[in-house]
Amino acid sequence: MPTATASILGQIQRSISRVISGKDEAIRLALITLLARGHLLIEDVPGVGKTTLAHALARSFHCSFQRIQFTSDLLPSDVLGISVFHPERQEFDFRPGPIFANIVLADEINRTTPKTQSALLEAMNEAQVTVESRTIPLPQPFMVVATQNPVEHHGTYPLPESQLDRFLLRVRMGYPAAASEKEILRKRTGEDPLAQVVPVADTADVLAMQEAARRVRIEESLLDYAVELATRTREADRLNLGVSPRGTLMLQRAAQARAFLEGRDFCTPDDFKRLVLPVFAHRVVVNTRYASTKKPTQQAEAILDEILESVRVPL
């Protein structure tokens, strides 16, 4: 990795860490998602820094940023945009919605109805939207950072499997350690820490880093390892739905991005193994016959851990 690129990534991690104390792994996963040209789903209880992470990531670049607060009455046109008729010209003008930005924060995405949730499907998969038979490309780079409350909370609409499959990674912030929480309290007595996050790169830099991450080398044995892991999820009795080929591709892209973030131009088995849970866990569905007292996400992760232990890691 060029020295300048390593410096940019290092500055971004340090500046975000000053805003979100004690969550280095969540920050790394957010950067991996950006480098892999993916989308990030942050799931956790309110107040643990989900929205702050998205804001800090967007402020690290000279890019356009839009926040969409998802509510039960939000319409697809509120996300995509709408055509407005001008009587004097007898024609329609399209007014782009907030989806037309480099980084889009879909805040509390599971608070809105499935109809509005589905407005993001084409954008997340093809980086374009179709409005009134007109296809419009989205700005590049393009990344959706969605936050959601756990599905057990009132007033939520669980994301369908097709929507979850569009997210490269799902992460949980978790409650901070006591020392980190004390640091948060200390920082909030003065200026808002987000104001201290300054852009260190522009969109051209991001696109260049994404292209470089895509060229990271992967040995044939690692591809076999990724396919074997995905196949085991499809054959597992305790899973109703295994990982799709898109999921396997997402694991590969995430592993390349992780290697690039660590300054390597080649992947290692560890790049794949450490990303299996955040890439695969939201893509599998646990068979209700094997339900336990654990939450579905915890059950899925436990099954994936067993699969990881059963598959030989290439040397």
C-alpha atoms as a PDB file:
ATOM      1  CA  MET A   1       0.000   0.000   0.000  1.00  0.00           C
ATOM      2  CA  PRO A   2       1.389   3.463  -0.870  1.00  0.00           C
ATOM      3  CA  THR A   3       2.477   5.541   2.118  1.00  0.00           C
ATOM      4  CA  ALA A   4      -0.055   8.265   1.323  1.00  0.00           C
ATOM      5  CA  THR A   5      -2.933   5.768   1.317  1.00  0.00           C
ATOM      6  CA  ALA A   6      -1.815   4.224   4.603  1.00  0.00           C
ATOM      7  CA  SER A   7      -1.612   7.713   6.095  1.00  0.00           C
ATOM      8  CA  ILE A   8      -5.173   8.553   4.964  1.00  0.00           C
ATOM      9  CA  LEU A   9      -6.628   5.359   6.415  1.00  0.00           C
ATOM     10  CA  GLY A  10      -4.696   5.824   9.643  1.00  0.00           C
ATOM     11  CA  GLN A  11      -5.936   9.400  10.037  1.00  0.00           C
ATOM     12  CA  ILE A  12      -9.527   8.321   9.437  1.00  0.00           C
ATOM     13  CA  GLN A  13      -9.372   5.569  12.043  1.00  0.00           C
ATOM     14  CA  ARG A  14      -7.787   7.865  14.620  1.00  0.00           C
ATOM     15  CA  SER A  15     -10.242  10.723  14.072  1.00  0.00           C
ATOM     16  CA  ILE A  16     -13.294   8.452  14.295  1.00  0.00           C
ATOM     17  CA  SER A  17     -11.831   6.775  17.398  1.00  0.00           C
ATOM     18  CA  ARG A  18     -11.732  10.144  19.106  1.00  0.00           C
ATOM     19  CA  VAL A  19     -15.484  10.443  18.573  1.00  0.00           C
ATOM     20  CA  ILE A  20     -16.429   6.841  19.385  1.00  0.00           C
ATOM     21  CA  SER A  21     -14.300   5.554  22.248  1.00  0.00           C
ATOM     22  CA  GLY A  22     -13.543   1.856  22.649  1.00  0.00           C
ATOM     23  CA  LYS A  23     -15.160   0.681  19.412  1.00  0.00           C
ATOM     24  CA  ASP A  24     -12.114   0.116  17.223  1.00  0.00           C
ATOM     25  CA  GLU A  25     -13.469  -3.084  15.666  1.00  0.00           C
ATOM     26  CA  ALA A  26     -16.754  -1.425  14.624  1.00  0.00           C
ATOM     27  CA  ILE A  27     -14.744   1.411  13.043  1.00  0.00           C
ATOM     28  CA  ARG A  28     -12.542  -1.072  11.172  1.00  0.00           C
ATOM     29  CA  LEU A  29     -15.596  -2.914   9.864  1.00  0.00           C
ATOM     30  CA  ALA A  30     -17.122   0.368   8.665  1.00  0.00           C
ATOM     31  CA  LEU A  31     -13.947   1.164   6.718  1.00  0.00           C
ATOM     32  CA  ILE A  32     -13.811  -2.374   5.325  1.00  0.00           C
ATOM     33  CA  THR A  33     -17.372  -1.886   4.054  1.00  0.00           C
ATOM     34  CA  LEU A  34     -16.434   1.381   2.361  1.00  0.00           C
ATOM     35  CA  LEU A  35     -13.299  -0.085   0.748  1.00  0.00           C
ATOM     36  CA  ALA A  36     -15.277  -3.110  -0.480  1.00  0.00           C
ATOM     37  CA  ARG A  37     -17.945  -0.901  -2.104  1.00  0.00           C
ATOM     38  CA  GLY A  38     -20.563  -2.335   0.206  1.00  0.00           C
ATOM     39  CA  HIS A  39     -23.282  -1.186   2.562  1.00  0.00           C
ATOM     40  CA  LEU A  40     -23.269  -1.359   6.344  1.00  0.00           C
ATOM     41  CA  LEU A  41     -26.065  -2.352   8.728  1.00  0.00           C
ATOM     42  CA  ILE A  42     -25.566  -1.344  12.361  1.00  0.00           C
ATOM     43  CA  GLU A  43     -27.978  -3.073  14.712  1.00  0.00           C
ATOM     44  CA  ASP A  44     -28.188  -2.260  18.393  1.00  0.00           C
ATOM     45  CA  VAL A  45     -30.235  -0.605  21.103  1.00  0.00           C
ATOM     46  CA  PRO A  46     -30.683   3.199  20.991  1.00  0.00           C
ATOM     47  CA  GLY A  47     -27.934   5.435  22.311  1.00  0.00           C
ATOM     48  CA  VAL A  48     -24.781   3.373  21.728  1.00  0.00           C
ATOM     49  CA  GLY A  49     -23.321   5.425  18.851  1.00  0.00           C
ATOM     50  CA  LYS A  50     -24.817   3.945  15.666  1.00  0.00           C
ATOM     51  CA  THR A  51     -25.705   7.298  14.102  1.00  0.00           C
ATOM     52  CA  THR A  52     -22.529   8.937  15.387  1.00  0.00           C
ATOM     53  CA  LEU A  53     -20.389   6.343  13.587  1.00  0.00           C
ATOM     54  CA  ALA A  54     -22.132   7.092  10.290  1.00  0.00           C
ATOM     55  CA  HIS A  55     -21.712  10.858  10.756  1.00  0.00           C
ATOM     56  CA  ALA A  56     -18.022  10.496  11.667  1.00  0.00           C
ATOM     57  CA  LEU A  57     -17.338   8.307   8.628  1.00  0.00           C
ATOM     58  CA  ALA A  58     -19.021  10.801   6.284  1.00  0.00           C
ATOM     59  CA  ARG A  59     -17.153  13.753   7.800  1.00  0.00           C
ATOM     60  CA  SER A  60     -13.834  12.017   7.108  1.00  0.00           C
ATOM     61  CA  PHE A  61     -14.215  12.666   3.368  1.00  0.00           C
ATOM     62  CA  HIS A  62     -15.052  15.567   1.087  1.00  0.00           C
ATOM     63  CA  CYS A  63     -18.295  13.954  -0.022  1.00  0.00           C
ATOM     64  CA  SER A  64     -22.030  14.531  -0.098  1.00  0.00           C
ATOM     65  CA  PHE A  65     -23.964  13.169   2.854  1.00  0.00           C
ATOM     66  CA  GLN A  66     -27.683  12.780   3.494  1.00  0.00           C
ATOM     67  CA  ARG A  67     -29.554  11.479   6.495  1.00  0.00           C
ATOM     68  CA  ILE A  68     -32.997   9.908   6.084  1.00  0.00           C
ATOM     69  CA  GLN A  69     -34.967   9.454   9.278  1.00  0.00           C
ATOM     70  CA  PHE A  70     -37.127   6.421   8.583  1.00  0.00           C
ATOM     71  CA  THR A  71     -40.623   6.578  10.093  1.00  0.00           C
ATOM     72  CA  SER A  72     -43.843   4.661   9.546  1.00  0.00           C
ATOM     73  CA  ASP A  73     -45.276   7.383   7.276  1.00  0.00           C
ATOM     74  CA  LEU A  74     -42.205   7.781   5.036  1.00  0.00           C
ATOM     75  CA  LEU A  75     -42.938   7.206   1.332  1.00  0.00           C
ATOM     76  CA  PRO A  76     -40.647   5.814  -1.408  1.00  0.00           C
ATOM     77  CA  SER A  77     -40.761   9.217  -3.130  1.00  0.00           C
ATOM     78  CA  ASP A  78     -39.372  10.792   0.051  1.00  0.00           C
ATOM     79  CA  VAL A  79     -36.269   8.657  -0.506  1.00  0.00           C
ATOM     80  CA  LEU A  80     -35.900   8.553  -4.291  1.00  0.00           C
ATOM     81  CA  GLY A  81     -37.295  11.920  -5.337  1.00  0.00           C
ATOM     82  CA  ILE A  82     -40.301  13.150  -7.260  1.00  0.00           C
ATOM     83  CA  SER A  83     -41.200  14.777 -10.584  1.00  0.00           C
ATOM     84  CA  VAL A  84     -42.768  18.226 -10.366  1.00  0.00           C
ATOM     85  CA  PHE A  85     -44.905  19.611 -13.197  1.00  0.00           C
ATOM     86  CA  HIS A  86     -44.250  23.171 -14.407  1.00  0.00           C
ATOM     87  CA  PRO A  87     -47.402  24.548 -16.122  1.00  0.00           C
ATOM     88  CA  GLU A  88     -45.561  27.398 -17.839  1.00  0.00           C
ATOM     89  CA  ARG A  89     -43.203  24.960 -19.582  1.00  0.00           C
ATOM     90  CA  GLN A  90     -45.678  22.080 -19.780  1.00  0.00           C
ATOM     91  CA  GLU A  91     -43.040  19.594 -18.614  1.00  0.00           C
ATOM     92  CA  PHE A  92     -41.867  17.705 -15.552  1.00  0.00           C
ATOM     93  CA  ASP A  93     -38.650  18.303 -13.646  1.00  0.00           C
ATOM     94  CA  PHE A  94     -37.211  15.583 -11.475  1.00  0.00           C
ATOM     95  CA  ARG A  95     -36.188  16.648  -7.983  1.00  0.00           C
ATOM     96  CA  PRO A  96     -33.681  14.112  -6.607  1.00  0.00           C
ATOM     97  CA  GLY A  97     -34.329  12.702  -3.169  1.00  0.00           C
ATOM     98  CA  PRO A  98     -31.760  12.216  -0.387  1.00  0.00           C
ATOM     99  CA  ILE A  99     -30.631   8.892  -1.891  1.00  0.00           C
ATOM    100  CA  PHE A 100     -28.504  10.947  -4.315  1.00  0.00           C
ATOM    101  CA  ALA A 101     -25.464  11.315  -2.068  1.00  0.00           C
ATOM    102  CA  ASN A 102     -22.133   9.570  -1.607  1.00  0.00           C
ATOM    103  CA  ILE A 103     -22.962   8.399   1.903  1.00  0.00           C
ATOM    104  CA  VAL A 104     -26.591   7.942   2.917  1.00  0.00           C
ATOM    105  CA  LEU A 105     -27.553   7.368   6.535  1.00  0.00           C
ATOM    106  CA  ALA A 106     -30.766   5.329   6.653  1.00  0.00           C
ATOM    107  CA  ASP A 107     -31.526   5.958  10.302  1.00  0.00           C
ATOM    108  CA  GLU A 108     -33.772   3.400  12.026  1.00  0.00           C
ATOM    109  CA  ILE A 109     -34.505   1.681   8.737  1.00  0.00           C
ATOM    110  CA  ASN A 110     -36.784  -0.887  10.360  1.00  0.00           C
ATOM    111  CA  ARG A 111     -39.139   1.833  11.608  1.00  0.00           C
ATOM    112  CA  THR A 112     -40.593   2.259   8.120  1.00  0.00           C
ATOM    113  CA  THR A 113     -42.888   0.013   6.102  1.00  0.00           C
ATOM    114  CA  PRO A 114     -41.605  -2.725   3.750  1.00  0.00           C
ATOM    115  CA  LYS A 115     -42.779  -0.682   0.742  1.00  0.00           C
ATOM    116  CA  THR A 116     -40.418   2.163   1.636  1.00  0.00           C
ATOM    117  CA  GLN A 117     -37.634  -0.192   2.676  1.00  0.00           C
ATOM    118  CA  SER A 118     -37.767  -1.757  -0.783  1.00  0.00           C
ATOM    119  CA  ALA A 119     -37.092   1.642  -2.380  1.00  0.00           C
ATOM    120  CA  LEU A 120     -33.451   1.071  -1.467  1.00  0.00           C
ATOM    121  CA  LEU A 121     -33.080  -2.328  -3.151  1.00  0.00           C
ATOM    122  CA  GLU A 122     -32.117  -1.156  -6.652  1.00  0.00           C
ATOM    123  CA  ALA A 123     -29.938   1.641  -5.295  1.00  0.00           C
ATOM    124  CA  MET A 124     -27.952  -0.706  -3.053  1.00  0.00           C
ATOM    125  CA  ASN A 125     -27.547  -3.431  -5.649  1.00  0.00           C
ATOM    126  CA  GLU A 126     -26.989  -1.494  -8.865  1.00  0.00           C
ATOM    127  CA  ALA A 127     -26.061   2.044  -7.726  1.00  0.00           C
ATOM    128  CA  GLN A 128     -28.985   3.487  -9.672  1.00  0.00           C
ATOM    129  CA  VAL A 129     -32.660   4.237  -9.201  1.00  0.00           C
ATOM    130  CA  THR A 130     -35.589   3.978 -11.592  1.00  0.00           C
ATOM    131  CA  VAL A 131     -38.201   6.707 -11.285  1.00  0.00           C
ATOM    132  CA  GLU A 132     -41.149   6.846 -13.685  1.00  0.00           C
ATOM    133  CA  SER A 133     -39.413   4.569 -16.220  1.00  0.00           C
ATOM    134  CA  ARG A 134     -36.269   6.690 -16.080  1.00  0.00           C
ATOM    135  CA  THR A 135     -33.029   5.123 -14.789  1.00  0.00           C
ATOM    136  CA  ILE A 136     -30.687   7.526 -13.025  1.00  0.00           C
ATOM    137  CA  PRO A 137     -27.181   6.586 -11.826  1.00  0.00           C
ATOM    138  CA  LEU A 138     -26.160   7.467  -8.284  1.00  0.00           C
ATOM    139  CA  PRO A 139     -23.000   9.400  -7.426  1.00  0.00           C
ATOM    140  CA  GLN A 140     -19.843   7.401  -6.845  1.00  0.00           C
ATOM    141  CA  PRO A 141     -18.688   6.271  -4.393  1.00  0.00           C
ATOM    142  CA  PHE A 142     -22.067   5.293  -2.973  1.00  0.00           C
ATOM    143  CA  MET A 143     -22.625   3.731   0.444  1.00  0.00           C
ATOM    144  CA  VAL A 144     -25.684   3.194   2.604  1.00  0.00           C
ATOM    145  CA  VAL A 145     -25.126   3.092   6.352  1.00  0.00           C
ATOM    146  CA  ALA A 146     -28.346   1.836   7.904  1.00  0.00           C
ATOM    147  CA  THR A 147     -29.107   1.674  11.595  1.00  0.00           C
ATOM    148  CA  GLN A 148     -31.828  -0.399  13.150  1.00  0.00           C
ATOM    149  CA  ASN A 149     -33.149  -1.254  16.562  1.00  0.00           C
ATOM    150  CA  PRO A 150     -33.369  -4.941  17.520  1.00  0.00           C
ATOM    151  CA  VAL A 151     -36.470  -6.547  16.018  1.00  0.00           C
ATOM    152  CA  GLU A 152     -37.805  -7.253  19.501  1.00  0.00           C
ATOM    153  CA  HIS A 153     -38.528  -3.522  19.950  1.00  0.00           C
ATOM    154  CA  HIS A 154     -42.030  -2.144  19.399  1.00  0.00           C
ATOM    155  CA  GLY A 155     -42.907  -0.398  16.147  1.00  0.00           C
ATOM    156  CA  THR A 156     -40.359  -2.183  13.946  1.00  0.00           C
ATOM    157  CA  TYR A 157     -40.739  -3.902  10.574  1.00  0.00           C
ATOM    158  CA  PRO A 158     -38.099  -6.645  10.235  1.00  0.00           C
ATOM    159  CA  LEU A 159     -36.061  -6.337   7.041  1.00  0.00           C
ATOM    160  CA  PRO A 160     -36.789  -9.174   4.590  1.00  0.00           C
ATOM    161  CA  GLU A 161     -34.021 -11.564   3.537  1.00  0.00           C
ATOM    162  CA  SER A 162     -33.671  -9.889   0.133  1.00  0.00           C
ATOM    163  CA  GLN A 163     -32.988  -6.553   1.823  1.00  0.00           C
ATOM    164  CA  LEU A 164     -30.560  -7.975   4.388  1.00  0.00           C
ATOM    165  CA  ASP A 165     -28.628  -9.676   1.592  1.00  0.00           C
ATOM    166  CA  ARG A 166     -27.779  -6.253   0.133  1.00  0.00           C
ATOM    167  CA  PHE A 167     -25.735  -5.324   3.209  1.00  0.00           C
ATOM    168  CA  LEU A 168     -22.108  -6.371   3.064  1.00  0.00           C
ATOM    169  CA  LEU A 169     -21.709  -6.403   6.851  1.00  0.00           C
ATOM    170  CA  ARG A 170     -23.881  -6.258   9.923  1.00  0.00           C
ATOM    171  CA  VAL A 171     -22.245  -5.048  13.111  1.00  0.00           C
ATOM    172  CA  ARG A 172     -23.322  -4.417  16.677  1.00  0.00           C
ATOM    173  CA  MET A 173     -21.853  -1.572  18.688  1.00  0.00           C
ATOM    174  CA  GLY A 174     -22.524  -2.933  22.170  1.00  0.00           C
ATOM    175  CA  TYR A 175     -22.330  -0.990  25.396  1.00  0.00           C
ATOM    176  CA  PRO A 176     -18.964   0.695  26.028  1.00  0.00           C
ATOM    177  CA  ALA A 177     -16.598  -0.427  28.765  1.00  0.00           C
ATOM    178  CA  ALA A 178     -16.619   1.676  31.934  1.00  0.00           C
ATOM    179  CA  ALA A 179     -13.399   3.486  31.005  1.00  0.00           C
ATOM    180  CA  SER A 180     -14.695   4.273  27.509  1.00  0.00           C
ATOM    181  CA  GLU A 181     -18.015   5.535  28.861  1.00  0.00           C
ATOM    182  CA  LYS A 182     -16.175   7.798  31.271  1.00  0.00           C
ATOM    183  CA  GLU A 183     -14.142   9.131  28.338  1.00  0.00           C
ATOM    184  CA  ILE A 184     -17.393   9.839  26.463  1.00  0.00           C
ATOM    185  CA  LEU A 185     -18.687  11.852  29.409  1.00  0.00           C
ATOM    186  CA  ARG A 186     -15.448  13.826  29.614  1.00  0.00           C
ATOM    187  CA  LYS A 187     -15.492  14.703  25.907  1.00  0.00           C
ATOM    188  CA  ARG A 188     -19.133  15.797  25.918  1.00  0.00           C
ATOM    189  CA  THR A 189     -18.477  18.556  28.458  1.00  0.00           C
ATOM    190  CA  GLY A 190     -16.944  20.749  25.756  1.00  0.00           C
ATOM    191  CA  GLU A 191     -17.239  21.010  21.989  1.00  0.00           C
ATOM    192  CA  ASP A 192     -19.102  18.292  20.110  1.00  0.00           C
ATOM    193  CA  PRO A 193     -16.410  15.709  19.191  1.00  0.00           C
ATOM    194  CA  LEU A 194     -17.936  15.360  15.701  1.00  0.00           C
ATOM    195  CA  ALA A 195     -16.881  18.946  14.988  1.00  0.00           C
ATOM    196  CA  GLN A 196     -13.262  17.841  15.347  1.00  0.00           C
ATOM    197  CA  VAL A 197     -13.510  15.309  12.522  1.00  0.00           C
ATOM    198  CA  VAL A 198     -11.990  16.933   9.445  1.00  0.00           C
ATOM    199  CA  PRO A 199     -11.951  15.531   5.885  1.00  0.00           C
ATOM    200  CA  VAL A 200      -8.640  13.909   4.946  1.00  0.00           C
ATOM    201  CA  ALA A 201      -9.551  12.647   1.464  1.00  0.00           C
ATOM    202  CA  ASP A 202     -11.933  13.282  -1.407  1.00  0.00           C
ATOM    203  CA  THR A 203     -14.131  11.017  -3.496  1.00  0.00           C
ATOM    204  CA  ALA A 204     -11.344  10.398  -6.033  1.00  0.00           C
ATOM    205  CA  ASP A 205      -9.144   9.050  -3.222  1.00  0.00           C
ATOM    206  CA  VAL A 206     -11.928   6.740  -2.064  1.00  0.00           C
ATOM    207  CA  LEU A 207     -12.525   5.418  -5.583  1.00  0.00           C
ATOM    208  CA  ALA A 208      -8.793   4.791  -5.999  1.00  0.00           C
ATOM    209  CA  MET A 209      -8.627   2.887  -2.709  1.00  0.00           C
ATOM    210  CA  GLN A 210     -11.685   0.829  -3.650  1.00  0.00           C
ATOM    211  CA  GLU A 211     -10.083  -0.115  -6.960  1.00  0.00           C
ATOM    212  CA  ALA A 212      -6.819  -1.039  -5.224  1.00  0.00           C
ATOM    213  CA  ALA A 213      -8.692  -3.198  -2.699  1.00  0.00           C
ATOM    214  CA  ARG A 214     -10.430  -4.999  -5.564  1.00  0.00           C
ATOM    215  CA  ARG A 215      -7.033  -6.014  -6.960  1.00  0.00           C
ATOM    216  CA  VAL A 216      -5.815  -7.668  -3.738  1.00  0.00           C
ATOM    217  CA  ARG A 217      -4.667 -11.206  -4.588  1.00  0.00           C
ATOM    218  CA  ILE A 218      -6.530 -14.291  -3.346  1.00  0.00           C
ATOM    219  CA  GLU A 219      -5.045 -17.788  -3.523  1.00  0.00           C
ATOM    220  CA  GLU A 220      -7.157 -20.562  -5.023  1.00  0.00           C
ATOM    221  CA  SER A 221      -7.241 -22.425  -1.711  1.00  0.00           C
ATOM    222  CA  LEU A 222      -8.922 -19.421  -0.051  1.00  0.00           C
ATOM    223  CA  LEU A 223     -11.645 -19.397  -2.686  1.00  0.00           C
ATOM    224  CA  ASP A 224     -12.232 -23.083  -1.965  1.00  0.00           C
ATOM    225  CA  TYR A 225     -12.385 -22.243   1.751  1.00  0.00           C
ATOM    226  CA  ALA A 226     -15.026 -19.538   1.202  1.00  0.00           C
ATOM    227  CA  VAL A 227     -17.147 -21.831  -1.003  1.00  0.00           C
ATOM    228  CA  GLU A 228     -16.912 -24.666   1.525  1.00  0.00           C
ATOM    229  CA  LEU A 229     -18.103 -22.393   4.340  1.00  0.00           C
ATOM    230  CA  ALA A 230     -21.072 -21.231   2.261  1.00  0.00           C
ATOM    231  CA  THR A 231     -21.917 -24.796   1.240  1.00  0.00           C
ATOM    232  CA  ARG A 232     -21.954 -25.938   4.876  1.00  0.00           C
ATOM    233  CA  THR A 233     -24.546 -23.268   5.702  1.00  0.00           C
ATOM    234  CA  ARG A 234     -26.784 -24.568   2.920  1.00  0.00           C
ATOM    235  CA  GLU A 235     -26.488 -28.144   4.181  1.00  0.00           C
ATOM    236  CA  ALA A 236     -26.934 -27.357   7.898  1.00  0.00           C
ATOM    237  CA  ASP A 237     -30.120 -28.890   9.352  1.00  0.00           C
ATOM    238  CA  ARG A 238     -30.452 -26.050  11.836  1.00  0.00           C
ATOM    239  CA  LEU A 239     -30.642 -23.440   9.086  1.00  0.00           C
ATOM    240  CA  ASN A 240     -33.689 -22.911   6.880  1.00  0.00           C
ATOM    241  CA  LEU A 241     -31.742 -20.564   4.614  1.00  0.00           C
ATOM    242  CA  GLY A 242     -28.038 -20.760   3.868  1.00  0.00           C
ATOM    243  CA  VAL A 243     -25.709 -18.204   2.355  1.00  0.00           C
ATOM    244  CA  SER A 244     -26.357 -17.250  -1.277  1.00  0.00           C
ATOM    245  CA  PRO A 245     -23.620 -16.883  -3.922  1.00  0.00           C
ATOM    246  CA  ARG A 246     -23.923 -13.130  -3.347  1.00  0.00           C
ATOM    247  CA  GLY A 247     -22.952 -13.765   0.270  1.00  0.00           C
ATOM    248  CA  THR A 248     -19.852 -15.699  -0.804  1.00  0.00           C
ATOM    249  CA  LEU A 249     -18.890 -12.849  -3.119  1.00  0.00           C
ATOM    250  CA  MET A 250     -19.401 -10.362  -0.285  1.00  0.00           C
ATOM    251  CA  LEU A 251     -17.066 -12.404   1.931  1.00  0.00           C
ATOM    252  CA  GLN A 252     -14.401 -12.304  -0.772  1.00  0.00           C
ATOM    253  CA  ARG A 253     -14.722  -8.551  -1.234  1.00  0.00           C
ATOM    254  CA  ALA A 254     -14.661  -7.929   2.505  1.00  0.00           C
ATOM    255  CA  ALA A 255     -11.553 -10.099   2.908  1.00  0.00           C
ATOM    256  CA  GLN A 256      -9.779  -8.154   0.157  1.00  0.00           C
ATOM    257  CA  ALA A 257     -10.721  -4.867   1.836  1.00  0.00           C
ATOM    258  CA  ARG A 258      -9.469  -6.119   5.228  1.00  0.00           C
ATOM    259  CA  ALA A 259      -6.138  -7.131   3.702  1.00  0.00           C
ATOM    260  CA  PHE A 260      -5.838  -3.722   2.021  1.00  0.00           C
ATOM    261  CA  LEU A 261      -6.686  -1.936   5.267  1.00  0.00           C
ATOM    262  CA  GLU A 262      -3.840  -3.831   6.930  1.00  0.00           C
ATOM    263  CA  GLY A 263      -1.409  -2.811   4.198  1.00  0.00           C
ATOM    264  CA  ARG A 264      -1.225  -6.119   2.320  1.00  0.00           C
ATOM    265  CA  ASP A 265      -1.764  -6.880  -1.371  1.00  0.00           C
ATOM    266  CA  PHE A 266      -2.735 -10.492  -0.639  1.00  0.00           C
ATOM    267  CA  CYS A 267      -5.374 -12.208   1.498  1.00  0.00           C
ATOM    268  CA  THR A 268      -4.744 -14.642   4.324  1.00  0.00           C
ATOM    269  CA  PRO A 269      -7.091 -17.260   5.836  1.00  0.00           C
ATOM    270  CA  ASP A 270      -7.545 -14.943   8.812  1.00  0.00           C
ATOM    271  CA  ASP A 271      -9.081 -12.277   6.557  1.00  0.00           C
ATOM    272  CA  PHE A 272     -11.862 -14.693   5.665  1.00  0.00           C
ATOM    273  CA  LYS A 273     -12.276 -16.333   9.058  1.00  0.00           C
ATOM    274  CA  ARG A 274     -12.649 -13.080  11.007  1.00  0.00           C
ATOM    275  CA  LEU A 275     -15.310 -11.767   8.648  1.00  0.00           C
ATOM    276  CA  VAL A 276     -17.564 -14.829   8.436  1.00  0.00           C
ATOM    277  CA  LEU A 277     -19.848 -13.731  11.279  1.00  0.00           C
ATOM    278  CA  PRO A 278     -20.400 -10.089  10.215  1.00  0.00           C
ATOM    279  CA  VAL A 279     -20.850 -11.141   6.558  1.00  0.00           C
ATOM    280  CA  PHE A 280     -22.864 -14.360   6.944  1.00  0.00           C
ATOM    281  CA  ALA A 281     -24.876 -14.066  10.182  1.00  0.00           C
ATOM    282  CA  HIS A 282     -27.592 -11.783   8.774  1.00  0.00           C
ATOM    283  CA  ARG A 283     -27.884 -13.892   5.615  1.00  0.00           C
ATOM    284  CA  VAL A 284     -28.899 -17.170   7.269  1.00  0.00           C
ATOM    285  CA  VAL A 285     -32.255 -18.086   8.823  1.00  0.00           C
ATOM    286  CA  VAL A 286     -32.368 -20.411  11.823  1.00  0.00           C
ATOM    287  CA  ASN A 287     -34.800 -23.324  11.665  1.00  0.00           C
ATOM    288  CA  THR A 288     -37.489 -22.732  14.283  1.00  0.00           C
ATOM    289  CA  ARG A 289     -37.382 -26.413  15.259  1.00  0.00           C
ATOM    290  CA  TYR A 290     -34.016 -25.695  16.842  1.00  0.00           C
ATOM    291  CA  ALA A 291     -35.094 -22.490  18.553  1.00  0.00           C
ATOM    292  CA  SER A 292     -33.576 -21.802  21.954  1.00  0.00           C
ATOM    293  CA  THR A 293     -33.635 -19.087  24.575  1.00  0.00           C
ATOM    294  CA  LYS A 294     -30.981 -17.212  22.594  1.00  0.00           C
ATOM    295  CA  LYS A 295     -31.937 -14.444  20.205  1.00  0.00           C
ATOM    296  CA  PRO A 296     -32.016 -15.442  16.486  1.00  0.00           C
ATOM    297  CA  THR A 297     -28.850 -13.475  15.751  1.00  0.00           C
ATOM    298  CA  GLN A 298     -27.008 -15.213  18.581  1.00  0.00           C
ATOM    299  CA  GLN A 299     -28.230 -18.615  17.406  1.00  0.00           C
ATOM    300  CA  ALA A 300     -27.055 -17.890  13.866  1.00  0.00           C
ATOM    301  CA  GLU A 301     -23.618 -16.839  15.099  1.00  0.00           C
ATOM    302  CA  ALA A 302     -23.326 -19.949  17.285  1.00  0.00           C
ATOM    303  CA  ILE A 303     -24.111 -22.208  14.291  1.00  0.00           C
ATOM    304  CA  LEU A 304     -21.608 -20.335  12.115  1.00  0.00           C
ATOM    305  CA  ASP A 305     -18.962 -20.714  14.820  1.00  0.00           C
ATOM    306  CA  GLU A 306     -19.495 -24.476  14.727  1.00  0.00           C
ATOM    307  CA  ILE A 307     -19.195 -24.487  10.933  1.00  0.00           C
ATOM    308  CA  LEU A 308     -15.962 -22.495  11.169  1.00  0.00           C
ATOM    309  CA  GLU A 309     -14.552 -25.055  13.579  1.00  0.00           C
ATOM    310  CA  SER A 310     -15.512 -27.945  11.279  1.00  0.00           C
ATOM    311  CA  VAL A 311     -13.925 -26.590   8.079  1.00  0.00           C
ATOM    312  CA  ARG A 312     -10.186 -26.997   7.657  1.00  0.00           C
ATOM    313  CA  VAL A 313      -8.355 -23.697   7.283  1.00  0.00           C
ATOM    314  CA  PRO A 314      -5.995 -23.671   4.280  1.00  0.00           C
ATOM    315  CA  LEU A 315      -2.322 -23.301   5.117  1.00  0.00           C
END
